[in-house]
Amino acid sequence: MMPPFHALISSSEFWSSLLLALIGGGGLGGWLTSLAGRRKSDAESQNLSAQAAKEAVSILTDQVIAPLREQVDAQERQISYLESQQSKLFAATSYIRSQNHWLDELCRSGLLGSKWADEHPKPRLPDLLRDTITPTTEEED
């Protein structure tokens, strides 16, 4: 004697009834609807992912990149300004050094007398300014 479950599965009536139930009772239609729903769900999921990525890029652009660009632009303007100020400083330093060399020749030429030049020696260049002034003069020579 066969167990009841085995007898049920091996009977042709069981399989006929199951097949008719699936086709006639909407089982096959439900399965197809489920499959189509999964594809639609996947498409919606991809659409949501794309939309979330777009929003993330927008937030990143607005809240991170834009302020960094503004900061870089401000720093570039400041650097440009400082470079122009440095050029003016170098030009002024060069002019003052040339003028001092001219005055030194005037003092040593005897117009004021050698005694005056000995009593009023040329001021010593401070070490703090040496790196700023000396390279400028070397570049011009």
N, C-alpha and C. Protein backbone atom coordinates (compact mmCIF):
# COMPACT_ATOMS: atom_id res chain seq x y z
N MET A 1 0.83 -1.17 0.00
CA MET A 1 0.00 0.00 0.00
C MET A 1 0.89 1.25 0.00
N MET A 2 0.54 2.20 -0.84
CA MET A 2 1.28 3.44 -1.01
C MET A 2 0.85 4.45 0.04
N PRO A 3 1.83 5.30 0.45
CA PRO A 3 1.41 6.39 1.36
C PRO A 3 0.46 7.32 0.62
N PRO A 4 -0.41 8.01 1.35
CA PRO A 4 -1.45 8.81 0.70
C PRO A 4 -0.89 9.94 -0.17
N PHE A 5 0.16 10.56 0.28
CA PHE A 5 0.71 11.69 -0.50
C PHE A 5 1.31 11.20 -1.82
N HIS A 6 2.00 10.08 -1.74
CA HIS A 6 2.60 9.51 -2.93
C HIS A 6 1.52 9.07 -3.92
N ALA A 7 0.45 8.54 -3.41
CA ALA A 7 -0.67 8.12 -4.26
C ALA A 7 -1.30 9.32 -4.94
N LEU A 8 -1.37 10.43 -4.22
CA LEU A 8 -1.97 11.65 -4.78
C LEU A 8 -1.12 12.19 -5.93
N ILE A 9 0.19 12.27 -5.73
CA ILE A 9 1.09 12.82 -6.74
C ILE A 9 1.17 11.91 -7.96
N SER A 10 1.07 10.64 -7.78
CA SER A 10 1.19 9.72 -8.91
C SER A 10 -0.11 9.58 -9.70
N SER A 11 -1.21 10.14 -9.23
CA SER A 11 -2.48 9.97 -9.96
C SER A 11 -2.60 11.01 -11.07
N SER A 12 -3.14 10.60 -12.19
CA SER A 12 -3.30 11.49 -13.34
C SER A 12 -4.41 12.50 -13.07
N GLU A 13 -5.39 12.16 -12.22
CA GLU A 13 -6.46 13.10 -11.88
C GLU A 13 -5.90 14.32 -11.16
N PHE A 14 -4.92 14.11 -10.30
CA PHE A 14 -4.31 15.22 -9.55
C PHE A 14 -3.67 16.21 -10.51
N TRP A 15 -2.91 15.68 -11.44
CA TRP A 15 -2.20 16.55 -12.38
C TRP A 15 -3.16 17.24 -13.33
N SER A 16 -4.19 16.57 -13.75
CA SER A 16 -5.20 17.19 -14.61
C SER A 16 -5.90 18.32 -13.87
N SER A 17 -6.29 18.08 -12.62
CA SER A 17 -6.97 19.09 -11.82
C SER A 17 -6.05 20.29 -11.57
N LEU A 18 -4.79 20.02 -11.29
CA LEU A 18 -3.83 21.10 -11.03
C LEU A 18 -3.63 21.95 -12.28
N LEU A 19 -3.51 21.29 -13.43
CA LEU A 19 -3.33 22.01 -14.69
C LEU A 19 -4.56 22.86 -15.01
N LEU A 20 -5.75 22.30 -14.84
CA LEU A 20 -6.98 23.06 -15.09
C LEU A 20 -7.12 24.21 -14.10
N ALA A 21 -6.72 24.03 -12.87
CA ALA A 21 -6.82 25.09 -11.86
C ALA A 21 -5.86 26.24 -12.19
N LEU A 22 -4.68 25.88 -12.64
CA LEU A 22 -3.71 26.93 -12.98
C LEU A 22 -4.17 27.75 -14.18
N ILE A 23 -4.63 27.09 -15.20
CA ILE A 23 -5.05 27.78 -16.41
C ILE A 23 -6.40 28.47 -16.19
N GLY A 24 -7.36 27.73 -15.71
CA GLY A 24 -8.72 28.27 -15.56
C GLY A 24 -8.87 29.16 -14.34
N GLY A 25 -8.19 28.92 -13.29
CA GLY A 25 -8.37 29.68 -12.05
C GLY A 25 -7.49 30.92 -11.96
N GLY A 26 -6.78 31.24 -13.01
CA GLY A 26 -5.96 32.45 -13.00
C GLY A 26 -4.57 32.24 -12.49
N GLY A 27 -4.16 31.04 -12.25
CA GLY A 27 -2.81 30.77 -11.75
C GLY A 27 -1.75 31.20 -12.75
N LEU A 28 -1.95 30.84 -14.01
CA LEU A 28 -1.00 31.21 -15.05
C LEU A 28 -1.03 32.73 -15.27
N GLY A 29 -2.23 33.30 -15.28
CA GLY A 29 -2.36 34.76 -15.42
C GLY A 29 -1.71 35.49 -14.26
N GLY A 30 -1.88 34.95 -13.07
CA GLY A 30 -1.24 35.56 -11.88
C GLY A 30 0.27 35.50 -11.97
N TRP A 31 0.74 34.37 -12.45
CA TRP A 31 2.19 34.22 -12.58
C TRP A 31 2.73 35.21 -13.61
N LEU A 32 2.05 35.36 -14.76
CA LEU A 32 2.47 36.31 -15.79
C LEU A 32 2.38 37.76 -15.27
N THR A 33 1.31 38.06 -14.52
CA THR A 33 1.16 39.40 -13.94
C THR A 33 2.29 39.68 -12.95
N SER A 34 2.63 38.69 -12.18
CA SER A 34 3.73 38.82 -11.22
C SER A 34 5.05 39.10 -11.93
N LEU A 35 5.29 38.37 -13.02
CA LEU A 35 6.52 38.56 -13.79
C LEU A 35 6.57 39.96 -14.40
N ALA A 36 5.46 40.43 -14.97
CA ALA A 36 5.40 41.77 -15.55
C ALA A 36 5.55 42.83 -14.46
N GLY A 37 4.96 42.59 -13.31
CA GLY A 37 5.08 43.53 -12.18
C GLY A 37 6.51 43.64 -11.69
N ARG A 38 7.21 42.52 -11.71
CA ARG A 38 8.62 42.54 -11.28
C ARG A 38 9.44 43.39 -12.25
N ARG A 39 9.19 43.24 -13.55
CA ARG A 39 9.92 44.04 -14.54
C ARG A 39 9.60 45.51 -14.37
N LYS A 40 8.32 45.82 -14.14
CA LYS A 40 7.91 47.21 -13.91
C LYS A 40 8.56 47.73 -12.63
N SER A 41 8.58 46.91 -11.62
CA SER A 41 9.19 47.30 -10.35
C SER A 41 10.68 47.56 -10.52
N ASP A 42 11.35 46.72 -11.31
CA ASP A 42 12.77 46.93 -11.58
C ASP A 42 13.00 48.25 -12.33
N ALA A 43 12.12 48.55 -13.30
CA ALA A 43 12.24 49.80 -14.06
C ALA A 43 12.00 50.99 -13.14
N GLU A 44 11.00 50.90 -12.26
CA GLU A 44 10.74 51.98 -11.31
C GLU A 44 11.92 52.14 -10.34
N SER A 45 12.47 51.01 -9.94
CA SER A 45 13.63 51.05 -9.03
C SER A 45 14.82 51.74 -9.70
N GLN A 46 15.05 51.42 -10.97
CA GLN A 46 16.14 52.07 -11.69
C GLN A 46 15.86 53.55 -11.88
N ASN A 47 14.60 53.89 -12.15
CA ASN A 47 14.22 55.29 -12.30
C ASN A 47 14.43 56.05 -11.00
N LEU A 48 14.04 55.44 -9.88
CA LEU A 48 14.25 56.06 -8.57
C LEU A 48 15.74 56.21 -8.27
N SER A 49 16.52 55.22 -8.64
CA SER A 49 17.97 55.29 -8.42
C SER A 49 18.58 56.42 -9.23
N ALA A 50 18.15 56.54 -10.48
CA ALA A 50 18.67 57.61 -11.34
C ALA A 50 18.27 58.98 -10.80
N GLN A 51 17.04 59.08 -10.32
CA GLN A 51 16.56 60.35 -9.76
C GLN A 51 17.33 60.68 -8.48
N ALA A 52 17.58 59.70 -7.63
CA ALA A 52 18.33 59.93 -6.40
C ALA A 52 19.76 60.34 -6.72
N ALA A 53 20.36 59.72 -7.73
CA ALA A 53 21.73 60.09 -8.12
C ALA A 53 21.76 61.52 -8.65
N LYS A 54 20.74 61.89 -9.44
CA LYS A 54 20.65 63.25 -9.97
C LYS A 54 20.52 64.27 -8.83
N GLU A 55 19.70 63.96 -7.85
CA GLU A 55 19.53 64.86 -6.70
C GLU A 55 20.82 64.94 -5.89
N ALA A 56 21.52 63.83 -5.74
CA ALA A 56 22.79 63.83 -5.00
C ALA A 56 23.82 64.70 -5.71
N VAL A 57 23.89 64.61 -7.03
CA VAL A 57 24.82 65.44 -7.80
C VAL A 57 24.44 66.91 -7.66
N SER A 58 23.14 67.20 -7.70
CA SER A 58 22.68 68.58 -7.55
C SER A 58 23.05 69.13 -6.17
N ILE A 59 22.84 68.34 -5.14
CA ILE A 59 23.18 68.77 -3.78
C ILE A 59 24.69 68.96 -3.66
N LEU A 60 25.44 68.02 -4.20
CA LEU A 60 26.90 68.11 -4.15
C LEU A 60 27.38 69.36 -4.88
N THR A 61 26.79 69.64 -6.03
CA THR A 61 27.18 70.83 -6.80
C THR A 61 26.83 72.11 -6.06
N ASP A 62 25.61 72.18 -5.54
CA ASP A 62 25.14 73.41 -4.89
C ASP A 62 25.79 73.65 -3.53
N GLN A 63 25.98 72.61 -2.75
CA GLN A 63 26.41 72.80 -1.38
C GLN A 63 27.90 72.58 -1.16
N VAL A 64 28.58 71.92 -2.08
CA VAL A 64 30.01 71.65 -1.88
C VAL A 64 30.85 72.31 -2.97
N ILE A 65 30.56 71.99 -4.21
CA ILE A 65 31.42 72.45 -5.31
C ILE A 65 31.29 73.95 -5.52
N ALA A 66 30.07 74.50 -5.51
CA ALA A 66 29.89 75.94 -5.75
C ALA A 66 30.63 76.78 -4.70
N PRO A 67 30.50 76.48 -3.39
CA PRO A 67 31.27 77.27 -2.41
C PRO A 67 32.78 77.11 -2.58
N LEU A 68 33.23 75.92 -2.96
CA LEU A 68 34.67 75.72 -3.18
C LEU A 68 35.14 76.53 -4.39
N ARG A 69 34.33 76.60 -5.44
CA ARG A 69 34.69 77.40 -6.61
C ARG A 69 34.77 78.88 -6.24
N GLU A 70 33.80 79.34 -5.44
CA GLU A 70 33.83 80.74 -4.99
C GLU A 70 35.09 81.02 -4.17
N GLN A 71 35.44 80.08 -3.31
CA GLN A 71 36.65 80.24 -2.48
C GLN A 71 37.90 80.27 -3.36
N VAL A 72 37.97 79.39 -4.34
CA VAL A 72 39.13 79.36 -5.24
C VAL A 72 39.20 80.66 -6.04
N ASP A 73 38.05 81.15 -6.53
CA ASP A 73 38.04 82.41 -7.27
C ASP A 73 38.51 83.57 -6.40
N ALA A 74 38.04 83.61 -5.14
CA ALA A 74 38.47 84.67 -4.22
C ALA A 74 39.97 84.57 -3.95
N GLN A 75 40.49 83.36 -3.80
CA GLN A 75 41.92 83.19 -3.57
C GLN A 75 42.72 83.59 -4.80
N GLU A 76 42.22 83.28 -5.99
CA GLU A 76 42.91 83.69 -7.22
C GLU A 76 42.97 85.21 -7.34
N ARG A 77 41.85 85.90 -6.98
CA ARG A 77 41.86 87.36 -6.99
C ARG A 77 42.86 87.91 -5.98
N GLN A 78 42.90 87.30 -4.80
CA GLN A 78 43.83 87.74 -3.77
C GLN A 78 45.28 87.51 -4.21
N ILE A 79 45.56 86.37 -4.80
CA ILE A 79 46.92 86.08 -5.28
C ILE A 79 47.31 87.07 -6.36
N SER A 80 46.39 87.37 -7.27
CA SER A 80 46.67 88.33 -8.33
C SER A 80 46.98 89.71 -7.74
N TYR A 81 46.19 90.12 -6.76
CA TYR A 81 46.42 91.40 -6.11
C TYR A 81 47.79 91.41 -5.41
N LEU A 82 48.09 90.35 -4.68
CA LEU A 82 49.38 90.29 -3.96
C LEU A 82 50.56 90.26 -4.93
N GLU A 83 50.39 89.58 -6.06
CA GLU A 83 51.47 89.57 -7.06
C GLU A 83 51.70 90.97 -7.63
N SER A 84 50.62 91.72 -7.86
CA SER A 84 50.79 93.09 -8.36
C SER A 84 51.44 93.97 -7.30
N GLN A 85 51.07 93.76 -6.04
CA GLN A 85 51.70 94.53 -4.95
C GLN A 85 53.19 94.17 -4.84
N GLN A 86 53.51 92.90 -5.02
CA GLN A 86 54.90 92.46 -4.96
C GLN A 86 55.70 93.09 -6.11
N SER A 87 55.10 93.16 -7.28
CA SER A 87 55.78 93.80 -8.42
C SER A 87 56.06 95.26 -8.11
N LYS A 88 55.08 95.94 -7.51
CA LYS A 88 55.28 97.35 -7.13
C LYS A 88 56.40 97.46 -6.09
N LEU A 89 56.43 96.55 -5.12
CA LEU A 89 57.47 96.58 -4.09
C LEU A 89 58.84 96.38 -4.72
N PHE A 90 58.95 95.42 -5.64
CA PHE A 90 60.24 95.19 -6.29
C PHE A 90 60.67 96.40 -7.12
N ALA A 91 59.71 97.04 -7.81
CA ALA A 91 60.04 98.23 -8.60
C ALA A 91 60.48 99.37 -7.68
N ALA A 92 59.78 99.57 -6.57
CA ALA A 92 60.14 100.62 -5.62
C ALA A 92 61.50 100.34 -5.01
N THR A 93 61.76 99.10 -4.66
CA THR A 93 63.06 98.73 -4.09
C THR A 93 64.17 98.99 -5.09
N SER A 94 63.96 98.62 -6.32
CA SER A 94 64.96 98.84 -7.35
C SER A 94 65.23 100.33 -7.53
N TYR A 95 64.17 101.13 -7.54
CA TYR A 95 64.33 102.58 -7.69
C TYR A 95 65.09 103.17 -6.51
N ILE A 96 64.74 102.78 -5.31
CA ILE A 96 65.40 103.31 -4.11
C ILE A 96 66.88 102.91 -4.10
N ARG A 97 67.18 101.68 -4.47
CA ARG A 97 68.58 101.24 -4.52
C ARG A 97 69.36 102.03 -5.58
N SER A 98 68.76 102.25 -6.74
CA SER A 98 69.43 103.03 -7.78
C SER A 98 69.67 104.46 -7.31
N GLN A 99 68.67 105.02 -6.66
CA GLN A 99 68.80 106.38 -6.15
C GLN A 99 69.90 106.45 -5.08
N ASN A 100 69.97 105.44 -4.23
CA ASN A 100 71.00 105.42 -3.18
C ASN A 100 72.39 105.26 -3.79
N HIS A 101 72.53 104.47 -4.83
CA HIS A 101 73.83 104.35 -5.49
C HIS A 101 74.23 105.70 -6.11
N TRP A 102 73.27 106.38 -6.67
CA TRP A 102 73.52 107.70 -7.26
C TRP A 102 73.97 108.68 -6.17
N LEU A 103 73.26 108.66 -5.03
CA LEU A 103 73.64 109.55 -3.92
C LEU A 103 75.01 109.17 -3.37
N ASP A 104 75.33 107.88 -3.33
CA ASP A 104 76.62 107.44 -2.83
C ASP A 104 77.74 108.01 -3.70
N GLU A 105 77.55 107.96 -5.02
CA GLU A 105 78.55 108.53 -5.93
C GLU A 105 78.68 110.03 -5.71
N LEU A 106 77.58 110.69 -5.48
CA LEU A 106 77.59 112.13 -5.24
C LEU A 106 78.37 112.44 -3.96
N CYS A 107 78.13 111.64 -2.93
CA CYS A 107 78.80 111.87 -1.64
C CYS A 107 80.29 111.58 -1.74
N ARG A 108 80.67 110.55 -2.46
CA ARG A 108 82.06 110.14 -2.55
C ARG A 108 82.85 110.98 -3.58
N SER A 109 82.15 111.67 -4.43
CA SER A 109 82.85 112.43 -5.47
C SER A 109 83.56 113.66 -4.92
N GLY A 110 83.32 113.98 -3.71
CA GLY A 110 84.02 115.10 -3.11
C GLY A 110 83.18 116.35 -3.02
N LEU A 111 81.98 116.31 -3.53
CA LEU A 111 81.11 117.48 -3.47
C LEU A 111 80.82 117.87 -2.02
N LEU A 112 80.56 116.88 -1.22
CA LEU A 112 80.33 117.12 0.20
C LEU A 112 81.62 116.95 1.01
N GLY A 113 82.60 116.41 0.37
CA GLY A 113 83.87 116.21 1.05
C GLY A 113 83.97 114.80 1.58
N SER A 114 85.17 114.26 1.57
CA SER A 114 85.37 112.89 2.04
C SER A 114 85.17 112.80 3.55
N LYS A 115 85.37 113.91 4.25
CA LYS A 115 85.17 113.91 5.70
C LYS A 115 83.71 113.65 6.02
N TRP A 116 82.80 114.23 5.23
CA TRP A 116 81.36 114.02 5.48
C TRP A 116 81.00 112.56 5.27
N ALA A 117 81.49 111.94 4.24
CA ALA A 117 81.20 110.54 3.96
C ALA A 117 81.74 109.65 5.06
N ASP A 118 82.91 110.00 5.63
CA ASP A 118 83.46 109.19 6.73
C ASP A 118 82.64 109.35 8.00
N GLU A 119 82.12 110.54 8.23
CA GLU A 119 81.33 110.80 9.44
C GLU A 119 79.91 110.25 9.33
N HIS A 120 79.42 110.08 8.12
CA HIS A 120 78.06 109.58 7.89
C HIS A 120 78.11 108.34 7.00
N PRO A 121 78.46 107.19 7.57
CA PRO A 121 78.58 105.97 6.75
C PRO A 121 77.22 105.52 6.21
N LYS A 122 77.31 104.82 5.13
CA LYS A 122 76.09 104.28 4.49
C LYS A 122 75.40 103.32 5.46
N PRO A 123 74.05 103.40 5.59
CA PRO A 123 73.34 102.49 6.51
C PRO A 123 73.46 101.04 6.05
N ARG A 124 73.50 100.16 7.03
CA ARG A 124 73.62 98.73 6.77
C ARG A 124 72.25 98.17 6.38
N LEU A 125 72.23 97.30 5.37
CA LEU A 125 70.99 96.66 4.94
C LEU A 125 70.56 95.65 6.00
N PRO A 126 69.35 95.80 6.56
CA PRO A 126 68.89 94.83 7.58
C PRO A 126 68.75 93.42 6.99
N ASP A 127 69.11 92.43 7.80
CA ASP A 127 69.02 91.03 7.36
C ASP A 127 67.60 90.65 6.95
N LEU A 128 66.62 91.25 7.60
CA LEU A 128 65.22 90.95 7.29
C LEU A 128 64.89 91.31 5.84
N LEU A 129 65.54 92.36 5.31
CA LEU A 129 65.26 92.80 3.94
C LEU A 129 66.22 92.22 2.90
N ARG A 130 67.30 91.61 3.35
CA ARG A 130 68.34 91.14 2.44
C ARG A 130 67.79 90.18 1.37
N ASP A 131 66.97 89.20 1.76
CA ASP A 131 66.43 88.24 0.79
C ASP A 131 65.47 88.89 -0.19
N THR A 132 64.83 89.98 0.23
CA THR A 132 63.88 90.66 -0.64
C THR A 132 64.59 91.58 -1.62
N ILE A 133 65.58 92.29 -1.15
CA ILE A 133 66.25 93.31 -1.98
C ILE A 133 67.35 92.72 -2.84
N THR A 134 68.17 91.86 -2.29
CA THR A 134 69.33 91.35 -3.02
C THR A 134 68.95 90.58 -4.28
N PRO A 135 67.96 89.65 -4.26
CA PRO A 135 67.64 88.93 -5.51
C PRO A 135 67.12 89.87 -6.60
N THR A 136 66.41 90.92 -6.22
CA THR A 136 65.91 91.87 -7.22
C THR A 136 67.06 92.54 -7.94
N THR A 137 68.07 92.93 -7.19
CA THR A 137 69.22 93.61 -7.79
C THR A 137 70.00 92.64 -8.67
N GLU A 138 70.12 91.40 -8.23
CA GLU A 138 70.88 90.40 -9.00
C GLU A 138 70.18 90.12 -10.33
N GLU A 139 68.84 90.12 -10.33
CA GLU A 139 68.09 89.85 -11.56
C GLU A 139 68.28 90.98 -12.56
N GLU A 140 68.42 92.22 -12.07
CA GLU A 140 68.52 93.37 -12.96
C GLU A 140 69.92 93.50 -13.54
N ASP A 141 70.95 93.01 -12.84
CA ASP A 141 72.34 93.16 -13.30
C ASP A 141 72.63 92.39 -14.53
